[in-house]
Amino acid sequence: MVYASDVRCINSLRMDRHTFSILCSMLHTSGKLRDTRNVAVDEMVAMFLHILAHHEKNIIIQDRFLRYGETISRYFNTVLRAVLCLQG
């Protein structure tokens, strides 16, 4: 979804690939967001942005990212906390 093209990335996440990679890098360094055994930082951030950009429900994100609902919820909250660490 993210790395296919800028058009697809903008349609899905409301930002281009370069901006997305900068955001992921910022969340990794300043927000202390880390890859887990099963989910990479860029996938966590993509789920988070897709939910915000399209006001999607958990069940829709489960189907799109092939993850359980609890996983979606956990990583949404993890990315949200990392974004809040960027403020100030």
Protein backbone atom coordinates (compact mmCIF):
# COMPACT_ATOMS: atom_id res chain seq x y z
CA MET A 1 0.00 0.00 0.00
CA VAL A 2 2.69 2.47 0.97
CA TYR A 3 5.62 1.59 -1.24
CA ALA A 4 3.74 0.86 -4.50
CA SER A 5 3.52 4.48 -5.65
CA ASP A 6 3.09 8.02 -4.35
CA VAL A 7 -0.46 8.15 -5.70
CA ARG A 8 -1.48 5.01 -3.83
CA CYS A 9 0.27 6.20 -0.68
CA ILE A 10 -1.46 9.59 -0.85
CA ASN A 11 -4.84 7.93 -1.42
CA SER A 12 -4.36 5.56 1.51
CA LEU A 13 -2.47 7.65 4.05
CA ARG A 14 -2.90 11.25 2.85
CA MET A 15 0.87 11.74 2.46
CA ASP A 16 3.54 10.80 -0.06
CA ARG A 17 6.13 8.08 0.47
CA HIS A 18 8.93 10.50 1.38
CA THR A 19 6.85 12.23 4.06
CA PHE A 20 5.71 8.85 5.37
CA SER A 21 9.30 7.64 5.72
CA ILE A 22 10.27 10.87 7.53
CA LEU A 23 7.35 10.42 9.95
CA CYS A 24 8.30 6.79 10.60
CA SER A 25 11.89 7.85 11.23
CA MET A 26 10.80 10.58 13.64
CA LEU A 27 8.53 8.18 15.52
CA HIS A 28 11.35 5.65 15.68
CA THR A 29 13.95 8.07 17.04
CA SER A 30 12.01 10.65 19.06
CA GLY A 31 8.85 8.69 19.78
CA LYS A 32 10.71 5.51 20.76
CA LEU A 33 8.53 3.41 18.43
CA ARG A 34 10.19 0.05 17.72
CA ASP A 35 9.59 -2.91 15.44
CA THR A 36 8.09 -5.92 17.14
CA ARG A 37 8.55 -9.55 16.22
CA ASN A 38 5.49 -9.48 13.97
CA VAL A 39 4.88 -5.84 12.99
CA ALA A 40 7.31 -3.27 11.61
CA VAL A 41 7.15 0.43 12.48
CA ASP A 42 6.03 1.39 8.97
CA GLU A 43 3.08 -1.04 9.15
CA MET A 44 2.05 0.30 12.56
CA VAL A 45 2.16 3.88 11.29
CA ALA A 46 0.32 2.92 8.08
CA MET A 47 -2.51 1.33 10.10
CA PHE A 48 -2.68 4.39 12.34
CA LEU A 49 -2.76 6.88 9.45
CA HIS A 50 -5.25 4.81 7.45
CA ILE A 51 -7.64 4.76 10.41
CA LEU A 52 -7.33 8.53 10.84
CA ALA A 53 -7.45 9.38 7.14
CA HIS A 54 -10.55 7.33 6.34
CA HIS A 55 -12.27 7.04 9.74
CA GLU A 56 -12.17 3.25 9.31
CA LYS A 57 -13.45 0.80 11.87
CA ASN A 58 -11.26 -1.90 13.37
CA ILE A 59 -12.98 -4.66 11.36
CA ILE A 60 -12.10 -2.97 8.05
CA ILE A 61 -8.46 -2.53 9.07
CA GLN A 62 -8.33 -6.19 10.13
CA ASP A 63 -9.28 -7.20 6.61
CA ARG A 64 -6.94 -4.75 4.88
CA PHE A 65 -3.84 -5.49 6.99
CA LEU A 66 -4.63 -9.15 7.81
CA ARG A 67 -4.26 -8.63 11.56
CA TYR A 68 -6.43 -9.42 14.56
CA GLY A 69 -8.58 -6.68 16.07
CA GLU A 70 -6.62 -6.66 19.31
CA THR A 71 -3.39 -6.20 17.33
CA ILE A 72 -4.87 -3.24 15.44
CA SER A 73 -6.03 -1.62 18.67
CA ARG A 74 -2.74 -2.22 20.49
CA TYR A 75 -0.60 -0.72 17.73
CA PHE A 76 -2.97 2.20 17.18
CA ASN A 77 -2.50 3.13 20.84
CA THR A 78 1.25 2.52 20.64
CA VAL A 79 1.62 4.86 17.65
CA LEU A 80 -0.66 7.43 19.29
CA ARG A 81 1.58 7.48 22.37
CA ALA A 82 4.65 7.88 20.14
CA VAL A 83 2.99 10.78 18.27
CA LEU A 84 2.20 12.45 21.58
CA CYS A 85 5.89 12.17 22.54
CA LEU A 86 6.69 14.34 19.50
CA GLN A 87 4.73 17.31 20.81
CA GLY A 88 6.64 20.09 22.39
